Every structure is written in C-alpha cells, then in structure tokens.
C-alpha cells in the first residue's frame, strides 16, 4: 500500500506593513517556499507590495488589520477601534485591556472596507480571509460572520487558542479541510529551521499542516512599529535556503497554497 502523501502550507503574513517587509516577502516567494501571502490592505506600503507580487501565481489573502496604521473607515464611525489621532489602537492596548472594547458593528464596517480595498487591488475576492491577531473575541466573531455571508475561505484560530500559544495538534476547519496550525515566531530563542523541522516530524495524515511566517527585512518604519524584528530576517534566510527546499522534496511532501485547500 502506498504511503499517504502529506501536505504542508507555508504562509507569509504582513505584505504591506513596510517596504522592507515587502522585499523580504518578495524574496521568500520568488526564490523560496512561500505560496500564500496575506495582505494588510490599509497601509501606505500596500500598493508597493502588491506591485512586487501581482504577477505571481500564488494565493493572496486578506490579512485584516485593526491594530496598525489608519483605518479605511472614517474614524468617527468606529470610535472603539481608534485613538485620539484617528489611528488604530495598538496591539499592546488590546493585550492590556481588561475586557473586549471592540464594538461588533463598528469592526464589521472596517472589515467590509478592507474587503472592498482588497477587491480594488486585485479585481477579485481573496483566496483566503483571516485576521492580524489581536486580543478581541468580537473581532474574530465579526470576521467569521463576514466570511460566511460573503462565502469567503475563512482561516481563523481554533476556539480558545491564541496565535502565540497554540496547543499541540491545534487545528481549524477550512472549507472542510483540517488545517493544523504552527507558529513559533514570537517565542524566545526562535529558530525557524528548528521550528520547521519540528513540524515536519509531526505531520498529520488527516489534513494539512500550516506554518505561519512573517518574513521581511528591516527599515525605520518596521523597527519603530513592530515588536517582531530579527525573526523576520531569519525567516527569509530559511525560506530561501536551497537545502530546505531539497529536504521537502526528499521527504516527498506536497507543498500547497490556499488555492488547493
């Protein structure tokens, strides 16, 4: 009996965060293993990132963002999401809040606005739909509802799980497929080579194993606005390493994008 072919999906988040991040993702796609890229559609560097990759036959997702930059909705309409200057409240505000301050109806307005912006950028629906992680249950409930109403391929988080503390064998259901989540980039002493090896040693037979990356280079903007810095550059190196690509080939692992989920 032939061995069941195991599948992996390697995803890059944050296209549009900054120009340096865009260049790192571009390299990870064109010279590396990334076949699915999440787009932050509200950022000043979004169009720059799209221009770099628009001709690539990869899956593009809406990486819905409510904690960085300016919203696409008028700030007056979404007061629960913005600060006094009209910018999104930062991730640390979400993490330190004692209760979920996100208004469900307000965040739906911004999700819709970002969806329309994605359509303007690409001329079509996203290949998948998910959210830049913040500590807000209302945000993810609104994401799930919007995805259902618009028949989008929603790739959320397992119930009760956070992106940086996923339990072993945590998975989500994406259009009837079990997708097991792996992401270590925020952990101390992170080594993307070791993390990938750990995933490859624990691949599942009944679905797809997905590892989420945030590849990128560093510029002034990303260094001032993100707590995730050096790991981005380490991921570019690993994802474009010919030895890693050969390892996947030797292990006879099928690499897919969200288009095949």
C-alpha atoms as a PDB file:
ATOM      1  CA  UNK A   1       0.000   0.000   0.000  1.00  0.00           C
ATOM      2  CA  UNK A   2       1.438   3.397  -0.969  1.00  0.00           C
ATOM      3  CA  UNK A   3       2.117   5.925   1.786  1.00  0.00           C
ATOM      4  CA  UNK A   4      -0.374   8.776   2.079  1.00  0.00           C
ATOM      5  CA  UNK A   5       1.153  11.988   0.713  1.00  0.00           C
ATOM      6  CA  UNK A   6       1.465  14.564   3.471  1.00  0.00           C
ATOM      7  CA  UNK A   7       0.747  18.229   2.753  1.00  0.00           C
ATOM      8  CA  UNK A   8       2.196  21.467   4.095  1.00  0.00           C
ATOM      9  CA  UNK A   9       1.111  25.047   3.583  1.00  0.00           C
ATOM     10  CA  UNK A  10       3.711  27.740   4.259  1.00  0.00           C
ATOM     11  CA  UNK A  11       2.071  31.159   4.683  1.00  0.00           C
ATOM     12  CA  UNK A  12       3.568  34.648   4.911  1.00  0.00           C
ATOM     13  CA  UNK A  13       1.659  37.415   6.690  1.00  0.00           C
ATOM     14  CA  UNK A  14       2.061  41.207   6.606  1.00  0.00           C
ATOM     15  CA  UNK A  15       2.554  42.209   2.964  1.00  0.00           C
ATOM     16  CA  UNK A  16       2.202  45.988   3.018  1.00  0.00           C
ATOM     17  CA  UNK A  17       3.491  46.515   6.563  1.00  0.00           C
ATOM     18  CA  UNK A  18       6.569  48.340   5.226  1.00  0.00           C
ATOM     19  CA  UNK A  19       8.654  48.382   2.068  1.00  0.00           C
ATOM     20  CA  UNK A  20      11.416  46.354   3.731  1.00  0.00           C
ATOM     21  CA  UNK A  21       8.914  43.709   4.804  1.00  0.00           C
ATOM     22  CA  UNK A  22       7.577  43.650   1.236  1.00  0.00           C
ATOM     23  CA  UNK A  23      11.048  42.972  -0.175  1.00  0.00           C
ATOM     24  CA  UNK A  24      11.584  40.106   2.258  1.00  0.00           C
ATOM     25  CA  UNK A  25       8.257  38.536   1.337  1.00  0.00           C
ATOM     26  CA  UNK A  26       9.012  39.020  -2.357  1.00  0.00           C
ATOM     27  CA  UNK A  27      12.268  37.093  -1.986  1.00  0.00           C
ATOM     28  CA  UNK A  28      10.529  34.384   0.035  1.00  0.00           C
ATOM     29  CA  UNK A  29       8.048  33.922  -2.811  1.00  0.00           C
ATOM     30  CA  UNK A  30      10.258  34.285  -5.877  1.00  0.00           C
ATOM     31  CA  UNK A  31      13.304  32.458  -4.511  1.00  0.00           C
ATOM     32  CA  UNK A  32      11.736  30.467  -1.700  1.00  0.00           C
ATOM     33  CA  UNK A  33       8.893  28.364  -0.416  1.00  0.00           C
ATOM     34  CA  UNK A  34       6.049  30.816   0.206  1.00  0.00           C
ATOM     35  CA  UNK A  35       2.950  30.258  -1.923  1.00  0.00           C
ATOM     36  CA  UNK A  36       0.322  32.067   0.201  1.00  0.00           C
ATOM     37  CA  UNK A  37       0.627  35.736   1.198  1.00  0.00           C
ATOM     38  CA  UNK A  38      -1.637  37.780   3.472  1.00  0.00           C
ATOM     39  CA  UNK A  39      -2.070  41.446   2.544  1.00  0.00           C
ATOM     40  CA  UNK A  40      -2.522  44.326   5.020  1.00  0.00           C
ATOM     41  CA  UNK A  41      -4.604  46.464   2.688  1.00  0.00           C
ATOM     42  CA  UNK A  42      -4.754  49.668   4.756  1.00  0.00           C
ATOM     43  CA  UNK A  43      -1.040  50.507   4.946  1.00  0.00           C
ATOM     44  CA  UNK A  44       0.957  53.121   2.984  1.00  0.00           C
ATOM     45  CA  UNK A  45       3.240  50.382   1.587  1.00  0.00           C
ATOM     46  CA  UNK A  46       0.385  48.113   0.441  1.00  0.00           C
ATOM     47  CA  UNK A  47       0.447  49.118  -3.220  1.00  0.00           C
ATOM     48  CA  UNK A  48       4.238  48.743  -3.264  1.00  0.00           C
ATOM     49  CA  UNK A  49       3.933  45.158  -2.016  1.00  0.00           C
ATOM     50  CA  UNK A  50       1.158  44.267  -4.437  1.00  0.00           C
ATOM     51  CA  UNK A  51       3.206  45.632  -7.335  1.00  0.00           C
ATOM     52  CA  UNK A  52       6.084  43.343  -6.401  1.00  0.00           C
ATOM     53  CA  UNK A  53       3.973  40.175  -6.437  1.00  0.00           C
ATOM     54  CA  UNK A  54       0.872  40.777  -8.548  1.00  0.00           C
ATOM     55  CA  UNK A  55       2.137  38.608 -11.413  1.00  0.00           C
ATOM     56  CA  UNK A  56       2.921  35.612  -9.189  1.00  0.00           C
ATOM     57  CA  UNK A  57       0.563  32.619  -9.313  1.00  0.00           C
ATOM     58  CA  UNK A  58       0.255  32.408  -5.529  1.00  0.00           C
ATOM     59  CA  UNK A  59      -2.700  32.656  -3.168  1.00  0.00           C
ATOM     60  CA  UNK A  60      -3.378  36.162  -1.870  1.00  0.00           C
ATOM     61  CA  UNK A  61      -5.349  36.581   1.348  1.00  0.00           C
ATOM     62  CA  UNK A  62      -6.919  39.481   3.197  1.00  0.00           C
ATOM     63  CA  UNK A  63      -4.851  39.832   6.367  1.00  0.00           C
ATOM     64  CA  UNK A  64      -7.435  42.019   8.088  1.00  0.00           C
ATOM     65  CA  UNK A  65      -5.711  44.527  10.348  1.00  0.00           C
ATOM     66  CA  UNK A  66      -7.221  46.625  13.154  1.00  0.00           C
ATOM     67  CA  UNK A  67      -4.103  47.452  15.188  1.00  0.00           C
ATOM     68  CA  UNK A  68      -1.674  49.207  12.828  1.00  0.00           C
ATOM     69  CA  UNK A  69      -1.955  52.350  10.709  1.00  0.00           C
ATOM     70  CA  UNK A  70      -5.085  54.248   9.769  1.00  0.00           C
ATOM     71  CA  UNK A  71      -8.452  52.596   9.188  1.00  0.00           C
ATOM     72  CA  UNK A  72     -10.169  52.703   5.812  1.00  0.00           C
ATOM     73  CA  UNK A  73     -13.430  53.639   7.554  1.00  0.00           C
ATOM     74  CA  UNK A  74     -13.933  57.185   8.823  1.00  0.00           C
ATOM     75  CA  UNK A  75     -12.629  57.198  12.423  1.00  0.00           C
ATOM     76  CA  UNK A  76     -15.817  58.921  13.583  1.00  0.00           C
ATOM     77  CA  UNK A  77     -17.776  55.796  12.653  1.00  0.00           C
ATOM     78  CA  UNK A  78     -15.527  53.361  14.566  1.00  0.00           C
ATOM     79  CA  UNK A  79     -14.568  55.086  17.845  1.00  0.00           C
ATOM     80  CA  UNK A  80     -13.942  51.807  19.673  1.00  0.00           C
ATOM     81  CA  UNK A  81     -11.085  50.953  17.293  1.00  0.00           C
ATOM     82  CA  UNK A  82      -9.132  54.224  17.095  1.00  0.00           C
ATOM     83  CA  UNK A  83      -7.112  56.571  19.277  1.00  0.00           C
ATOM     84  CA  UNK A  84      -7.460  60.331  19.572  1.00  0.00           C
ATOM     85  CA  UNK A  85      -5.421  60.821  16.376  1.00  0.00           C
ATOM     86  CA  UNK A  86      -7.568  58.538  14.226  1.00  0.00           C
ATOM     87  CA  UNK A  87      -5.077  55.659  14.128  1.00  0.00           C
ATOM     88  CA  UNK A  88      -5.923  52.109  15.107  1.00  0.00           C
ATOM     89  CA  UNK A  89      -5.291  51.298  18.757  1.00  0.00           C
ATOM     90  CA  UNK A  90      -2.040  49.364  19.088  1.00  0.00           C
ATOM     91  CA  UNK A  91      -1.714  45.647  19.839  1.00  0.00           C
ATOM     92  CA  UNK A  92      -0.489  46.413  23.356  1.00  0.00           C
ATOM     93  CA  UNK A  93      -3.759  48.245  24.074  1.00  0.00           C
ATOM     94  CA  UNK A  94      -5.687  45.087  23.183  1.00  0.00           C
ATOM     95  CA  UNK A  95      -3.375  42.918  25.274  1.00  0.00           C
ATOM     96  CA  UNK A  96      -3.662  45.117  28.374  1.00  0.00           C
ATOM     97  CA  UNK A  97      -7.432  45.660  28.196  1.00  0.00           C
ATOM     98  CA  UNK A  98      -9.497  44.064  30.967  1.00  0.00           C
ATOM     99  CA  UNK A  99     -12.438  43.499  28.639  1.00  0.00           C
ATOM    100  CA  UNK A 100     -13.097  43.382  24.907  1.00  0.00           C
ATOM    101  CA  UNK A 101     -13.610  47.013  23.868  1.00  0.00           C
ATOM    102  CA  UNK A 102     -14.188  46.285  20.157  1.00  0.00           C
ATOM    103  CA  UNK A 103     -17.713  47.133  19.055  1.00  0.00           C
ATOM    104  CA  UNK A 104     -19.055  44.337  16.836  1.00  0.00           C
ATOM    105  CA  UNK A 105     -20.924  46.588  14.391  1.00  0.00           C
ATOM    106  CA  UNK A 106     -18.041  49.041  14.136  1.00  0.00           C
ATOM    107  CA  UNK A 107     -15.461  46.389  13.348  1.00  0.00           C
ATOM    108  CA  UNK A 108     -17.775  44.938  10.707  1.00  0.00           C
ATOM    109  CA  UNK A 109     -17.638  48.313   8.944  1.00  0.00           C
ATOM    110  CA  UNK A 110     -13.845  48.198   8.825  1.00  0.00           C
ATOM    111  CA  UNK A 111     -13.766  44.550   7.730  1.00  0.00           C
ATOM    112  CA  UNK A 112     -16.079  45.471   4.851  1.00  0.00           C
ATOM    113  CA  UNK A 113     -13.930  48.472   3.924  1.00  0.00           C
ATOM    114  CA  UNK A 114     -10.775  46.354   3.842  1.00  0.00           C
ATOM    115  CA  UNK A 115     -12.559  43.708   1.791  1.00  0.00           C
ATOM    116  CA  UNK A 116     -13.560  46.348  -0.765  1.00  0.00           C
ATOM    117  CA  UNK A 117      -9.972  47.623  -0.835  1.00  0.00           C
ATOM    118  CA  UNK A 118      -8.687  44.108  -1.499  1.00  0.00           C
ATOM    119  CA  UNK A 119     -11.109  43.883  -4.410  1.00  0.00           C
ATOM    120  CA  UNK A 120      -9.817  47.216  -5.761  1.00  0.00           C
ATOM    121  CA  UNK A 121      -6.225  45.993  -5.538  1.00  0.00           C
ATOM    122  CA  UNK A 122      -6.731  42.572  -7.125  1.00  0.00           C
ATOM    123  CA  UNK A 123     -10.026  42.758  -9.005  1.00  0.00           C
ATOM    124  CA  UNK A 124     -11.331  39.639  -7.244  1.00  0.00           C
ATOM    125  CA  UNK A 125     -12.122  38.060  -3.906  1.00  0.00           C
ATOM    126  CA  UNK A 126      -9.229  36.999  -1.674  1.00  0.00           C
ATOM    127  CA  UNK A 127      -8.132  33.373  -1.963  1.00  0.00           C
ATOM    128  CA  UNK A 128      -8.420  33.228   1.825  1.00  0.00           C
ATOM    129  CA  UNK A 129      -9.586  35.506   4.602  1.00  0.00           C
ATOM    130  CA  UNK A 130      -8.130  35.926   8.095  1.00  0.00           C
ATOM    131  CA  UNK A 131      -7.126  38.494  10.680  1.00  0.00           C
ATOM    132  CA  UNK A 132      -3.968  40.040  12.092  1.00  0.00           C
ATOM    133  CA  UNK A 133      -4.040  38.668  15.622  1.00  0.00           C
ATOM    134  CA  UNK A 134      -5.406  40.904  18.374  1.00  0.00           C
ATOM    135  CA  UNK A 135      -6.933  40.012  21.718  1.00  0.00           C
ATOM    136  CA  UNK A 136     -10.562  40.556  20.730  1.00  0.00           C
ATOM    137  CA  UNK A 137     -13.229  37.905  20.530  1.00  0.00           C
ATOM    138  CA  UNK A 138     -15.638  40.380  18.923  1.00  0.00           C
ATOM    139  CA  UNK A 139     -13.202  40.952  16.062  1.00  0.00           C
ATOM    140  CA  UNK A 140     -12.941  37.259  15.244  1.00  0.00           C
ATOM    141  CA  UNK A 141     -16.701  36.733  15.607  1.00  0.00           C
ATOM    142  CA  UNK A 142     -17.239  39.549  13.110  1.00  0.00           C
ATOM    143  CA  UNK A 143     -14.624  38.058  10.789  1.00  0.00           C
ATOM    144  CA  UNK A 144     -16.343  34.676  10.867  1.00  0.00           C
ATOM    145  CA  UNK A 145     -19.761  36.201  10.207  1.00  0.00           C
ATOM    146  CA  UNK A 146     -18.479  38.336   7.328  1.00  0.00           C
ATOM    147  CA  UNK A 147     -16.717  35.367   5.753  1.00  0.00           C
ATOM    148  CA  UNK A 148     -19.871  33.251   5.973  1.00  0.00           C
ATOM    149  CA  UNK A 149     -22.089  35.955   4.476  1.00  0.00           C
ATOM    150  CA  UNK A 150     -19.662  36.591   1.602  1.00  0.00           C
ATOM    151  CA  UNK A 151     -18.718  32.935   1.002  1.00  0.00           C
ATOM    152  CA  UNK A 152     -15.022  33.500   1.746  1.00  0.00           C
ATOM    153  CA  UNK A 153     -12.444  30.857   2.680  1.00  0.00           C
ATOM    154  CA  UNK A 154     -12.061  31.757   6.354  1.00  0.00           C
ATOM    155  CA  UNK A 155      -8.863  30.743   8.099  1.00  0.00           C
ATOM    156  CA  UNK A 156      -9.257  31.801  11.712  1.00  0.00           C
ATOM    157  CA  UNK A 157      -7.937  30.489  15.011  1.00  0.00           C
ATOM    158  CA  UNK A 158      -9.006  27.389  16.936  1.00  0.00           C
ATOM    159  CA  UNK A 159     -11.591  28.268  19.571  1.00  0.00           C
ATOM    160  CA  UNK A 160      -9.939  29.306  22.817  1.00  0.00           C
ATOM    161  CA  UNK A 161      -6.464  29.412  21.257  1.00  0.00           C
ATOM    162  CA  UNK A 162      -4.094  32.325  20.782  1.00  0.00           C
ATOM    163  CA  UNK A 163      -1.672  32.580  17.848  1.00  0.00           C
ATOM    164  CA  UNK A 164       1.387  32.645  20.101  1.00  0.00           C
ATOM    165  CA  UNK A 165       0.402  29.814  22.425  1.00  0.00           C
ATOM    166  CA  UNK A 166      -1.153  27.201  20.180  1.00  0.00           C
ATOM    167  CA  UNK A 167      -1.660  23.859  21.836  1.00  0.00           C
ATOM    168  CA  UNK A 168      -0.341  20.674  20.301  1.00  0.00           C
ATOM    169  CA  UNK A 169      -2.488  19.419  17.424  1.00  0.00           C
ATOM    170  CA  UNK A 170      -4.484  22.686  17.300  1.00  0.00           C
ATOM    171  CA  UNK A 171      -6.415  22.893  14.061  1.00  0.00           C
ATOM    172  CA  UNK A 172      -9.100  24.838  12.243  1.00  0.00           C
ATOM    173  CA  UNK A 173     -11.608  23.728   9.660  1.00  0.00           C
ATOM    174  CA  UNK A 174     -11.109  25.493   6.329  1.00  0.00           C
ATOM    175  CA  UNK A 175     -13.765  24.544   3.786  1.00  0.00           C
ATOM    176  CA  UNK A 176     -13.969  21.045   5.205  1.00  0.00           C
ATOM    177  CA  UNK A 177     -10.201  20.506   5.487  1.00  0.00           C
ATOM    178  CA  UNK A 178      -8.418  20.128   8.811  1.00  0.00           C
ATOM    179  CA  UNK A 179      -5.608  22.695   8.877  1.00  0.00           C
ATOM    180  CA  UNK A 180      -3.135  22.216  11.742  1.00  0.00           C
ATOM    181  CA  UNK A 181      -1.508  25.462  12.880  1.00  0.00           C
ATOM    182  CA  UNK A 182       2.147  26.027  13.695  1.00  0.00           C
ATOM    183  CA  UNK A 183       3.681  29.409  14.558  1.00  0.00           C
ATOM    184  CA  UNK A 184       6.702  29.997  16.788  1.00  0.00           C
ATOM    185  CA  UNK A 185       7.988  33.371  15.585  1.00  0.00           C
ATOM    186  CA  UNK A 186       7.122  35.243  18.800  1.00  0.00           C
ATOM    187  CA  UNK A 187       8.740  32.671  21.090  1.00  0.00           C
ATOM    188  CA  UNK A 188      12.100  33.329  22.796  1.00  0.00           C
ATOM    189  CA  UNK A 189      15.182  31.897  21.070  1.00  0.00           C
ATOM    190  CA  UNK A 190      13.151  31.307  17.913  1.00  0.00           C
ATOM    191  CA  UNK A 191      14.962  29.354  15.216  1.00  0.00           C
ATOM    192  CA  UNK A 192      12.872  28.904  12.038  1.00  0.00           C
ATOM    193  CA  UNK A 193      14.957  25.901  10.965  1.00  0.00           C
ATOM    194  CA  UNK A 194      14.168  24.068  14.210  1.00  0.00           C
ATOM    195  CA  UNK A 195      10.503  25.073  14.067  1.00  0.00           C
ATOM    196  CA  UNK A 196      10.122  23.766  10.543  1.00  0.00           C
ATOM    197  CA  UNK A 197      11.873  20.516  11.479  1.00  0.00           C
ATOM    198  CA  UNK A 198       9.505  20.125  14.442  1.00  0.00           C
ATOM    199  CA  UNK A 199       6.510  20.491  12.137  1.00  0.00           C
ATOM    200  CA  UNK A 200       7.929  18.062   9.590  1.00  0.00           C
ATOM    201  CA  UNK A 201       8.455  15.485  12.327  1.00  0.00           C
ATOM    202  CA  UNK A 202       4.847  15.837  13.481  1.00  0.00           C
ATOM    203  CA  UNK A 203       2.906  15.991  10.222  1.00  0.00           C
ATOM    204  CA  UNK A 204      -0.687  14.766  10.310  1.00  0.00           C
ATOM    205  CA  UNK A 205      -2.311  12.272   7.950  1.00  0.00           C
ATOM    206  CA  UNK A 206      -5.831  13.666   8.142  1.00  0.00           C
ATOM    207  CA  UNK A 207      -5.314  17.218   6.913  1.00  0.00           C
ATOM    208  CA  UNK A 208      -2.821  19.942   6.076  1.00  0.00           C
ATOM    209  CA  UNK A 209      -0.090  21.276   8.352  1.00  0.00           C
ATOM    210  CA  UNK A 210       0.329  25.049   8.046  1.00  0.00           C
ATOM    211  CA  UNK A 211       3.207  27.117   9.377  1.00  0.00           C
ATOM    212  CA  UNK A 212       2.718  30.876   9.549  1.00  0.00           C
ATOM    213  CA  UNK A 213       5.734  33.103   8.883  1.00  0.00           C
ATOM    214  CA  UNK A 214       6.383  36.837   8.887  1.00  0.00           C
ATOM    215  CA  UNK A 215       9.399  37.135   6.569  1.00  0.00           C
ATOM    216  CA  UNK A 216      10.839  40.556   5.912  1.00  0.00           C
ATOM    217  CA  UNK A 217      13.754  42.901   6.058  1.00  0.00           C
ATOM    218  CA  UNK A 218      14.007  45.842   8.459  1.00  0.00           C
ATOM    219  CA  UNK A 219      13.574  49.550   7.839  1.00  0.00           C
ATOM    220  CA  UNK A 220      12.873  52.504  10.115  1.00  0.00           C
ATOM    221  CA  UNK A 221       9.104  52.039   9.975  1.00  0.00           C
ATOM    222  CA  UNK A 222       9.049  48.383  10.956  1.00  0.00           C
ATOM    223  CA  UNK A 223      11.638  48.946  13.698  1.00  0.00           C
ATOM    224  CA  UNK A 224       9.528  51.700  15.236  1.00  0.00           C
ATOM    225  CA  UNK A 225       6.188  49.947  14.906  1.00  0.00           C
ATOM    226  CA  UNK A 226       6.684  46.199  15.388  1.00  0.00           C
ATOM    227  CA  UNK A 227       7.972  44.040  18.227  1.00  0.00           C
ATOM    228  CA  UNK A 228       8.787  41.285  15.726  1.00  0.00           C
ATOM    229  CA  UNK A 229      12.117  42.218  14.148  1.00  0.00           C
ATOM    230  CA  UNK A 230      15.101  39.833  13.837  1.00  0.00           C
ATOM    231  CA  UNK A 231      12.870  36.749  13.373  1.00  0.00           C
ATOM    232  CA  UNK A 232      11.584  38.259  10.115  1.00  0.00           C
ATOM    233  CA  UNK A 233      15.078  38.282   8.626  1.00  0.00           C
ATOM    234  CA  UNK A 234      15.851  34.767   9.901  1.00  0.00           C
ATOM    235  CA  UNK A 235      12.723  33.505   8.174  1.00  0.00           C
ATOM    236  CA  UNK A 236      13.751  34.974   4.820  1.00  0.00           C
ATOM    237  CA  UNK A 237      17.041  33.095   5.102  1.00  0.00           C
ATOM    238  CA  UNK A 238      15.388  29.791   5.984  1.00  0.00           C
ATOM    239  CA  UNK A 239      12.597  30.057   3.422  1.00  0.00           C
ATOM    240  CA  UNK A 240      15.056  30.705   0.584  1.00  0.00           C
ATOM    241  CA  UNK A 241      17.609  28.088   1.644  1.00  0.00           C
ATOM    242  CA  UNK A 242      18.023  25.500  -1.186  1.00  0.00           C
ATOM    243  CA  UNK A 243      18.742  22.819   1.414  1.00  0.00           C
ATOM    244  CA  UNK A 244      15.310  23.326   2.968  1.00  0.00           C
ATOM    245  CA  UNK A 245      13.604  23.071  -0.404  1.00  0.00           C
ATOM    246  CA  UNK A 246      15.542  19.863  -1.091  1.00  0.00           C
ATOM    247  CA  UNK A 247      14.522  18.439   2.299  1.00  0.00           C
ATOM    248  CA  UNK A 248      10.834  18.824   1.432  1.00  0.00           C
ATOM    249  CA  UNK A 249      11.487  17.124  -1.886  1.00  0.00           C
ATOM    250  CA  UNK A 250      13.389  14.257  -0.269  1.00  0.00           C
ATOM    251  CA  UNK A 251      10.592  13.720   2.247  1.00  0.00           C
ATOM    252  CA  UNK A 252       8.071  13.597  -0.626  1.00  0.00           C
ATOM    253  CA  UNK A 253       5.932  16.280   0.981  1.00  0.00           C
ATOM    254  CA  UNK A 254       3.401  18.095  -1.169  1.00  0.00           C
ATOM    255  CA  UNK A 255       3.516  21.854  -0.757  1.00  0.00           C
ATOM    256  CA  UNK A 256       0.201  23.592  -1.398  1.00  0.00           C
ATOM    257  CA  UNK A 257      -1.357  27.036  -1.194  1.00  0.00           C
ATOM    258  CA  UNK A 258      -4.788  28.097  -0.011  1.00  0.00           C
ATOM    259  CA  UNK A 259      -5.992  27.624  -3.574  1.00  0.00           C
ATOM    260  CA  UNK A 260      -5.725  23.851  -3.026  1.00  0.00           C
ATOM    261  CA  UNK A 261      -7.425  23.823   0.395  1.00  0.00           C
END
